[in-house]
PDB file of all heavy atoms in Angstrom:
ATOM      1  N   ALA A   1      -0.865  11.365   3.016  1.00  0.00           N
ATOM      2  CA  ALA A   1      -0.089  12.499   3.555  1.00  0.00           C
ATOM      3  C   ALA A   1      -1.024  13.638   4.086  1.00  0.00           C
ATOM      4  O   ALA A   1      -0.808  14.115   5.061  1.00  0.00           O
ATOM      5  CB  ALA A   1       0.720  13.038   2.296  1.00  0.00           C
ATOM      6  N   VAL A   2      -2.209  13.820   3.455  1.00  0.00           N
ATOM      7  CA  VAL A   2      -3.162  14.922   3.979  1.00  0.00           C
ATOM      8  C   VAL A   2      -3.634  14.462   5.240  1.00  0.00           C
ATOM      9  O   VAL A   2      -3.846  15.325   6.166  1.00  0.00           O
ATOM     10  CB  VAL A   2      -4.159  15.156   2.894  1.00  0.00           C
ATOM     11  CG1 VAL A   2      -5.303  16.055   3.510  1.00  0.00           C
ATOM     12  CG2 VAL A   2      -3.628  15.827   1.535  1.00  0.00           C
ATOM     13  N   ARG A   3      -4.074  13.271   5.435  1.00  0.00           N
ATOM     14  CA  ARG A   3      -4.591  12.696   6.596  1.00  0.00           C
ATOM     15  C   ARG A   3      -3.693  12.818   7.677  1.00  0.00           C
ATOM     16  O   ARG A   3      -3.837  13.081   8.988  1.00  0.00           O
ATOM     17  CB  ARG A   3      -5.133  11.313   6.378  1.00  0.00           C
ATOM     18  CG  ARG A   3      -5.776  10.699   7.654  1.00  0.00           C
ATOM     19  CD  ARG A   3      -6.553   9.457   7.434  1.00  0.00           C
ATOM     20  NE  ARG A   3      -6.996   8.967   8.558  1.00  0.00           N
ATOM     21  CZ  ARG A   3      -8.110   9.290   9.105  1.00  0.00           C
ATOM     22  NH1 ARG A   3      -8.808  10.332   8.620  1.00  0.00           N
ATOM     23  NH2 ARG A   3      -8.580   8.705  10.351  1.00  0.00           N
ATOM     24  N   ASP A   4      -2.250  12.440   7.324  1.00  0.00           N
ATOM     25  CA  ASP A   4      -1.349  12.551   8.408  1.00  0.00           C
ATOM     26  C   ASP A   4      -1.091  13.867   8.932  1.00  0.00           C
ATOM     27  O   ASP A   4      -0.843  14.081  10.105  1.00  0.00           O
ATOM     28  CB  ASP A   4      -0.055  11.988   7.866  1.00  0.00           C
ATOM     29  CG  ASP A   4       0.934  11.285   8.919  1.00  0.00           C
ATOM     30  OD1 ASP A   4       0.444  11.085  10.012  1.00  0.00           O
ATOM     31  OD2 ASP A   4       2.184  11.109   8.595  1.00  0.00           O
ATOM     32  N   ILE A   5      -1.216  14.820   8.093  1.00  0.00           N
ATOM     33  CA  ILE A   5      -1.043  16.329   8.475  1.00  0.00           C
ATOM     34  C   ILE A   5      -2.201  16.695   9.424  1.00  0.00           C
ATOM     35  O   ILE A   5      -1.959  17.309  10.377  1.00  0.00           O
ATOM     36  CB  ILE A   5      -1.051  17.262   7.173  1.00  0.00           C
ATOM     37  CG1 ILE A   5       0.251  17.059   6.355  1.00  0.00           C
ATOM     38  CG2 ILE A   5      -1.254  18.765   7.676  1.00  0.00           C
ATOM     39  CD1 ILE A   5       0.241  17.822   5.115  1.00  0.00           C
ATOM     40  N   LYS A   6      -3.430  16.295   8.942  1.00  0.00           N
ATOM     41  CA  LYS A   6      -4.643  16.777   9.750  1.00  0.00           C
ATOM     42  C   LYS A   6      -4.802  16.027  11.130  1.00  0.00           C
ATOM     43  O   LYS A   6      -5.282  16.578  12.073  1.00  0.00           O
ATOM     44  CB  LYS A   6      -5.831  16.636   8.829  1.00  0.00           C
ATOM     45  CG  LYS A   6      -5.945  17.536   7.679  1.00  0.00           C
ATOM     46  CD  LYS A   6      -7.074  17.503   6.887  1.00  0.00           C
ATOM     47  CE  LYS A   6      -7.279  18.494   5.833  1.00  0.00           C
ATOM     48  NZ  LYS A   6      -8.486  18.383   4.966  1.00  0.00           N
ATOM     49  N   THR A   7      -4.556  14.702  11.072  1.00  0.00           N
ATOM     50  CA  THR A   7      -4.932  13.901  12.241  1.00  0.00           C
ATOM     51  C   THR A   7      -3.851  13.154  12.903  1.00  0.00           C
ATOM     52  O   THR A   7      -3.935  12.609  13.995  1.00  0.00           O
ATOM     53  CB  THR A   7      -6.035  12.793  11.749  1.00  0.00           C
ATOM     54  OG1 THR A   7      -5.449  11.850  10.863  1.00  0.00           O
ATOM     55  CG2 THR A   7      -7.246  13.607  11.022  1.00  0.00           C
ATOM     56  N   ARG A   8      -2.692  12.967  12.247  1.00  0.00           N
ATOM     57  CA  ARG A   8      -1.514  12.120  12.595  1.00  0.00           C
ATOM     58  C   ARG A   8      -1.983  10.752  12.769  1.00  0.00           C
ATOM     59  O   ARG A   8      -1.318   9.905  13.671  1.00  0.00           O
ATOM     60  CB  ARG A   8      -0.970  12.756  13.887  1.00  0.00           C
ATOM     61  CG  ARG A   8      -0.308  14.106  13.886  1.00  0.00           C
ATOM     62  CD  ARG A   8       0.917  14.056  12.822  1.00  0.00           C
ATOM     63  NE  ARG A   8       1.750  15.261  13.047  1.00  0.00           N
ATOM     64  CZ  ARG A   8       1.649  16.457  12.507  1.00  0.00           C
ATOM     65  NH1 ARG A   8       0.544  16.694  11.843  1.00  0.00           N
ATOM     66  NH2 ARG A   8       2.390  17.363  12.839  1.00  0.00           N
ATOM     67  N   ARG A   9      -3.095  10.367  12.259  1.00  0.00           N
ATOM     68  CA  ARG A   9      -3.555   8.918  12.278  1.00  0.00           C
ATOM     69  C   ARG A   9      -3.787   8.458  10.962  1.00  0.00           C
ATOM     70  O   ARG A   9      -4.439   8.983  10.135  1.00  0.00           O
ATOM     71  CB  ARG A   9      -4.844   8.897  13.153  1.00  0.00           C
ATOM     72  CG  ARG A   9      -4.842   9.524  14.495  1.00  0.00           C
ATOM     73  CD  ARG A   9      -3.977   8.875  15.439  1.00  0.00           C
ATOM     74  NE  ARG A   9      -4.057   9.286  16.828  1.00  0.00           N
ATOM     75  CZ  ARG A   9      -3.382  10.412  17.291  1.00  0.00           C
ATOM     76  NH1 ARG A   9      -2.563  11.031  16.419  1.00  0.00           N
ATOM     77  NH2 ARG A   9      -3.464  10.670  18.514  1.00  0.00           N
ATOM     78  N   VAL A  10      -3.167   7.247  10.639  1.00  0.00           N
ATOM     79  CA  VAL A  10      -3.507   6.566   9.394  1.00  0.00           C
ATOM     80  C   VAL A  10      -3.753   5.054   9.684  1.00  0.00           C
ATOM     81  O   VAL A  10      -3.081   4.318  10.393  1.00  0.00           O
ATOM     82  CB  VAL A  10      -2.044   6.630   8.541  1.00  0.00           C
ATOM     83  CG1 VAL A  10      -2.465   5.779   7.048  1.00  0.00           C
ATOM     84  CG2 VAL A  10      -1.793   8.055   8.170  1.00  0.00           C
ATOM     85  N   SER A  11      -4.972   4.656   9.219  1.00  0.00           N
ATOM     86  CA  SER A  11      -5.464   3.277   9.467  1.00  0.00           C
ATOM     87  C   SER A  11      -4.562   2.259   8.737  1.00  0.00           C
ATOM     88  O   SER A  11      -4.133   2.400   7.670  1.00  0.00           O
ATOM     89  CB  SER A  11      -6.906   3.048   8.909  1.00  0.00           C
ATOM     90  OG  SER A  11      -7.271   1.778   9.061  1.00  0.00           O
ATOM     91  N   SER A  12      -4.333   1.202   9.640  1.00  0.00           N
ATOM     92  CA  SER A  12      -3.488   0.140   9.007  1.00  0.00           C
ATOM     93  C   SER A  12      -4.084  -0.575   7.640  1.00  0.00           C
ATOM     94  O   SER A  12      -3.383  -1.011   6.904  1.00  0.00           O
ATOM     95  CB  SER A  12      -3.226  -0.922   9.964  1.00  0.00           C
ATOM     96  OG  SER A  12      -2.421  -0.406  11.178  1.00  0.00           O
ATOM     97  N   GLY A  13      -5.416  -0.462   7.686  1.00  0.00           N
ATOM     98  CA  GLY A  13      -6.179  -1.058   6.594  1.00  0.00           C
ATOM     99  C   GLY A  13      -5.778  -0.460   5.146  1.00  0.00           C
ATOM    100  O   GLY A  13      -6.048  -1.209   4.143  1.00  0.00           O
ATOM    101  N   VAL A  14      -5.227   0.738   5.100  1.00  0.00           N
ATOM    102  CA  VAL A  14      -4.999   1.339   3.831  1.00  0.00           C
ATOM    103  C   VAL A  14      -3.739   0.655   3.130  1.00  0.00           C
ATOM    104  O   VAL A  14      -3.563   0.630   2.020  1.00  0.00           O
ATOM    105  CB  VAL A  14      -4.598   2.875   3.981  1.00  0.00           C
ATOM    106  CG1 VAL A  14      -3.309   2.974   4.722  1.00  0.00           C
ATOM    107  CG2 VAL A  14      -4.696   3.559   2.651  1.00  0.00           C
ATOM    108  N   TRP A  15      -2.866  -0.020   4.044  1.00  0.00           N
ATOM    109  CA  TRP A  15      -1.624  -0.723   3.458  1.00  0.00           C
ATOM    110  C   TRP A  15      -1.884  -1.875   2.963  1.00  0.00           C
ATOM    111  O   TRP A  15      -1.024  -2.402   2.025  1.00  0.00           O
ATOM    112  CB  TRP A  15      -0.634  -0.681   4.589  1.00  0.00           C
ATOM    113  CG  TRP A  15      -0.247   0.583   5.224  1.00  0.00           C
ATOM    114  CD1 TRP A  15      -0.563   0.923   6.501  1.00  0.00           C
ATOM    115  CD2 TRP A  15       0.022   1.882   4.613  1.00  0.00           C
ATOM    116  NE1 TRP A  15      -0.082   2.214   6.783  1.00  0.00           N
ATOM    117  CE2 TRP A  15       0.222   2.802   5.589  1.00  0.00           C
ATOM    118  CE3 TRP A  15       0.437   2.092   3.253  1.00  0.00           C
ATOM    119  CZ2 TRP A  15       0.666   4.155   5.274  1.00  0.00           C
ATOM    120  CZ3 TRP A  15       0.927   3.509   3.055  1.00  0.00           C
ATOM    121  CH2 TRP A  15       0.903   4.396   4.001  1.00  0.00           C
ATOM    122  N   ILE A  16      -2.966  -2.689   3.404  1.00  0.00           N
ATOM    123  CA  ILE A  16      -3.116  -4.101   3.038  1.00  0.00           C
ATOM    124  C   ILE A  16      -3.431  -4.205   1.486  1.00  0.00           C
ATOM    125  O   ILE A  16      -2.709  -5.074   0.876  1.00  0.00           O
ATOM    126  CB  ILE A  16      -4.378  -4.751   3.876  1.00  0.00           C
ATOM    127  CG1 ILE A  16      -3.813  -4.786   5.325  1.00  0.00           C
ATOM    128  CG2 ILE A  16      -4.590  -6.084   3.277  1.00  0.00           C
ATOM    129  CD1 ILE A  16      -4.990  -5.218   6.235  1.00  0.00           C
ATOM    130  N   PRO A  17      -4.266  -3.380   0.851  1.00  0.00           N
ATOM    131  CA  PRO A  17      -4.552  -3.536  -0.505  1.00  0.00           C
ATOM    132  C   PRO A  17      -3.308  -3.100  -1.283  1.00  0.00           C
ATOM    133  O   PRO A  17      -3.032  -3.775  -2.374  1.00  0.00           O
ATOM    134  CB  PRO A  17      -5.675  -2.611  -0.858  1.00  0.00           C
ATOM    135  CG  PRO A  17      -6.443  -2.289   0.437  1.00  0.00           C
ATOM    136  CD  PRO A  17      -5.247  -2.470   1.488  1.00  0.00           C
ATOM    137  N   LEU A  18      -2.605  -2.142  -0.836  1.00  0.00           N
ATOM    138  CA  LEU A  18      -1.410  -1.778  -1.628  1.00  0.00           C
ATOM    139  C   LEU A  18      -0.223  -2.702  -1.620  1.00  0.00           C
ATOM    140  O   LEU A  18       0.386  -3.087  -2.542  1.00  0.00           O
ATOM    141  CB  LEU A  18      -0.850  -0.357  -1.101  1.00  0.00           C
ATOM    142  CG  LEU A  18      -1.601   0.866  -1.350  1.00  0.00           C
ATOM    143  CD1 LEU A  18      -0.925   2.126  -0.764  1.00  0.00           C
ATOM    144  CD2 LEU A  18      -1.644   1.077  -2.956  1.00  0.00           C
ATOM    145  N   ALA A  19      -0.054  -3.383  -0.311  1.00  0.00           N
ATOM    146  CA  ALA A  19       0.888  -4.348  -0.193  1.00  0.00           C
ATOM    147  C   ALA A  19       0.610  -5.649  -1.128  1.00  0.00           C
ATOM    148  O   ALA A  19       1.425  -6.301  -1.737  1.00  0.00           O
ATOM    149  CB  ALA A  19       1.025  -4.865   1.303  1.00  0.00           C
ATOM    150  N   SER A  20      -0.847  -5.980  -1.238  1.00  0.00           N
ATOM    151  CA  SER A  20      -1.119  -7.102  -2.025  1.00  0.00           C
ATOM    152  C   SER A  20      -0.972  -6.870  -3.525  1.00  0.00           C
ATOM    153  O   SER A  20      -0.488  -7.557  -4.217  1.00  0.00           O
ATOM    154  CB  SER A  20      -2.714  -7.355  -1.814  1.00  0.00           C
ATOM    155  OG  SER A  20      -2.982  -7.667  -0.447  1.00  0.00           O
ATOM    156  N   LEU A  21      -1.229  -5.519  -3.976  1.00  0.00           N
ATOM    157  CA  LEU A  21      -0.959  -5.143  -5.378  1.00  0.00           C
ATOM    158  C   LEU A  21       0.469  -5.154  -5.603  1.00  0.00           C
ATOM    159  O   LEU A  21       0.951  -5.748  -6.667  1.00  0.00           O
ATOM    160  CB  LEU A  21      -1.468  -3.812  -5.547  1.00  0.00           C
ATOM    161  CG  LEU A  21      -1.142  -3.200  -6.969  1.00  0.00           C
ATOM    162  CD1 LEU A  21      -1.784  -3.979  -7.898  1.00  0.00           C
ATOM    163  CD2 LEU A  21      -1.598  -1.574  -6.962  1.00  0.00           C
ATOM    164  N   GLY A  22       1.284  -4.780  -4.580  1.00  0.00           N
ATOM    165  CA  GLY A  22       2.827  -4.797  -4.768  1.00  0.00           C
ATOM    166  C   GLY A  22       3.314  -6.085  -4.893  1.00  0.00           C
ATOM    167  O   GLY A  22       4.120  -6.493  -5.808  1.00  0.00           O
ATOM    168  N   GLY A  23       2.788  -7.109  -4.080  1.00  0.00           N
ATOM    169  CA  GLY A  23       3.180  -8.525  -4.279  1.00  0.00           C
ATOM    170  C   GLY A  23       2.861  -9.070  -5.501  1.00  0.00           C
ATOM    171  O   GLY A  23       3.725  -9.860  -6.200  1.00  0.00           O
ATOM    172  N   LEU A  24       1.729  -8.793  -6.009  1.00  0.00           N
ATOM    173  CA  LEU A  24       1.262  -9.343  -7.268  1.00  0.00           C
ATOM    174  C   LEU A  24       2.142  -8.836  -8.491  1.00  0.00           C
ATOM    175  O   LEU A  24       2.408  -9.566  -9.374  1.00  0.00           O
ATOM    176  CB  LEU A  24      -0.342  -8.905  -7.515  1.00  0.00           C
ATOM    177  CG  LEU A  24      -0.879  -9.326  -8.890  1.00  0.00           C
ATOM    178  CD1 LEU A  24      -0.866 -10.881  -9.109  1.00  0.00           C
ATOM    179  CD2 LEU A  24      -2.197  -8.708  -9.045  1.00  0.00           C
ATOM    180  N   LEU A  25       2.405  -7.494  -8.400  1.00  0.00           N
ATOM    181  CA  LEU A  25       3.186  -6.956  -9.532  1.00  0.00           C
ATOM    182  C   LEU A  25       4.614  -7.360  -9.412  1.00  0.00           C
ATOM    183  O   LEU A  25       5.269  -7.476 -10.463  1.00  0.00           O
ATOM    184  CB  LEU A  25       3.068  -5.382  -9.367  1.00  0.00           C
ATOM    185  CG  LEU A  25       1.735  -4.752  -9.512  1.00  0.00           C
ATOM    186  CD1 LEU A  25       1.796  -3.234  -9.400  1.00  0.00           C
ATOM    187  CD2 LEU A  25       1.143  -5.085 -10.985  1.00  0.00           C
ATOM    188  N   LEU A  26       5.113  -7.646  -8.177  1.00  0.00           N
ATOM    189  CA  LEU A  26       6.492  -8.126  -8.069  1.00  0.00           C
ATOM    190  C   LEU A  26       6.616  -9.456  -8.754  1.00  0.00           C
ATOM    191  O   LEU A  26       7.577  -9.779  -9.545  1.00  0.00           O
ATOM    192  CB  LEU A  26       6.850  -8.334  -6.562  1.00  0.00           C
ATOM    193  CG  LEU A  26       8.170  -8.828  -6.259  1.00  0.00           C
ATOM    194  CD1 LEU A  26       9.276  -7.922  -6.742  1.00  0.00           C
ATOM    195  CD2 LEU A  26       8.388  -9.122  -4.806  1.00  0.00           C
ATOM    196  N   VAL A  27       5.685 -10.379  -8.558  1.00  0.00           N
ATOM    197  CA  VAL A  27       5.639 -11.588  -9.285  1.00  0.00           C
ATOM    198  C   VAL A  27       5.515 -11.505 -10.755  1.00  0.00           C
ATOM    199  O   VAL A  27       6.102 -12.184 -11.585  1.00  0.00           O
ATOM    200  CB  VAL A  27       4.383 -12.594  -8.708  1.00  0.00           C
ATOM    201  CG1 VAL A  27       4.313 -13.856  -9.560  1.00  0.00           C
ATOM    202  CG2 VAL A  27       4.761 -12.886  -7.141  1.00  0.00           C
ATOM    203  N   TRP A  28       4.626 -10.653 -11.218  1.00  0.00           N
ATOM    204  CA  TRP A  28       4.441 -10.406 -12.517  1.00  0.00           C
ATOM    205  C   TRP A  28       5.662  -9.888 -13.330  1.00  0.00           C
ATOM    206  O   TRP A  28       6.063 -10.336 -14.261  1.00  0.00           O
ATOM    207  CB  TRP A  28       3.337  -9.282 -12.883  1.00  0.00           C
ATOM    208  CG  TRP A  28       2.853  -9.147 -14.105  1.00  0.00           C
ATOM    209  CD1 TRP A  28       3.366  -9.647 -15.378  1.00  0.00           C
ATOM    210  CD2 TRP A  28       1.628  -8.332 -14.615  1.00  0.00           C
ATOM    211  NE1 TRP A  28       2.544  -9.216 -16.357  1.00  0.00           N
ATOM    212  CE2 TRP A  28       1.583  -8.503 -15.917  1.00  0.00           C
ATOM    213  CE3 TRP A  28       0.600  -7.555 -13.824  1.00  0.00           C
ATOM    214  CZ2 TRP A  28       0.601  -7.716 -16.591  1.00  0.00           C
ATOM    215  CZ3 TRP A  28      -0.369  -6.995 -14.524  1.00  0.00           C
ATOM    216  CH2 TRP A  28      -0.436  -7.139 -15.829  1.00  0.00           C
ATOM    217  N   ASP A  29       6.432  -8.900 -12.646  1.00  0.00           N
ATOM    218  CA  ASP A  29       7.607  -8.372 -13.128  1.00  0.00           C
ATOM    219  C   ASP A  29       8.643  -9.496 -13.304  1.00  0.00           C
ATOM    220  O   ASP A  29       9.474  -9.621 -14.110  1.00  0.00           O
ATOM    221  CB  ASP A  29       8.117  -7.263 -12.281  1.00  0.00           C
ATOM    222  CG  ASP A  29       7.542  -5.933 -12.680  1.00  0.00           C
ATOM    223  OD1 ASP A  29       7.008  -5.836 -13.690  1.00  0.00           O
ATOM    224  OD2 ASP A  29       7.642  -4.965 -11.933  1.00  0.00           O
ATOM    225  N   GLY A  30       8.684 -10.344 -12.155  1.00  0.00           N
ATOM    226  CA  GLY A  30       9.530 -11.431 -12.098  1.00  0.00           C
ATOM    227  C   GLY A  30       9.445 -12.303 -13.263  1.00  0.00           C
ATOM    228  O   GLY A  30      10.489 -12.888 -13.931  1.00  0.00           O
ATOM    229  N   TRP A  31       8.200 -12.697 -13.609  1.00  0.00           N
ATOM    230  CA  TRP A  31       7.883 -13.629 -14.636  1.00  0.00           C
ATOM    231  C   TRP A  31       8.265 -13.048 -15.964  1.00  0.00           C
ATOM    232  O   TRP A  31       8.879 -13.703 -16.774  1.00  0.00           O
ATOM    233  CB  TRP A  31       6.421 -13.797 -14.655  1.00  0.00           C
ATOM    234  CG  TRP A  31       5.821 -14.761 -15.700  1.00  0.00           C
ATOM    235  CD1 TRP A  31       6.017 -16.133 -15.903  1.00  0.00           C
ATOM    236  CD2 TRP A  31       5.171 -14.318 -16.941  1.00  0.00           C
ATOM    237  NE1 TRP A  31       5.500 -16.542 -16.973  1.00  0.00           N
ATOM    238  CE2 TRP A  31       4.905 -15.431 -17.730  1.00  0.00           C
ATOM    239  CE3 TRP A  31       4.647 -12.999 -17.317  1.00  0.00           C
ATOM    240  CZ2 TRP A  31       4.380 -15.378 -18.838  1.00  0.00           C
ATOM    241  CZ3 TRP A  31       4.054 -12.954 -18.497  1.00  0.00           C
ATOM    242  CH2 TRP A  31       3.852 -14.098 -19.249  1.00  0.00           C
ATOM    243  N   ARG A  32       7.938 -11.760 -16.201  1.00  0.00           N
ATOM    244  CA  ARG A  32       8.361 -11.074 -17.357  1.00  0.00           C
ATOM    245  C   ARG A  32       9.856 -11.026 -17.548  1.00  0.00           C
ATOM    246  O   ARG A  32      10.379 -11.337 -18.698  1.00  0.00           O
ATOM    247  CB  ARG A  32       7.801  -9.585 -17.368  1.00  0.00           C
ATOM    248  CG  ARG A  32       6.271  -9.644 -17.496  1.00  0.00           C
ATOM    249  CD  ARG A  32       5.771  -8.227 -17.402  1.00  0.00           C
ATOM    250  NE  ARG A  32       6.252  -7.309 -18.449  1.00  0.00           N
ATOM    251  CZ  ARG A  32       6.782  -6.141 -18.317  1.00  0.00           C
ATOM    252  NH1 ARG A  32       7.195  -5.833 -17.099  1.00  0.00           N
ATOM    253  NH2 ARG A  32       7.130  -5.500 -19.406  1.00  0.00           N
TER     254      ARG A  32
END
């Protein structure tokens, strides 16, 4: 959010680790 205010630019690379974590947690929650 801070970077978007200052530069209006957000690297696509920031979403890959979060998406991977989200996918892993989704499977974990489904298993539980």
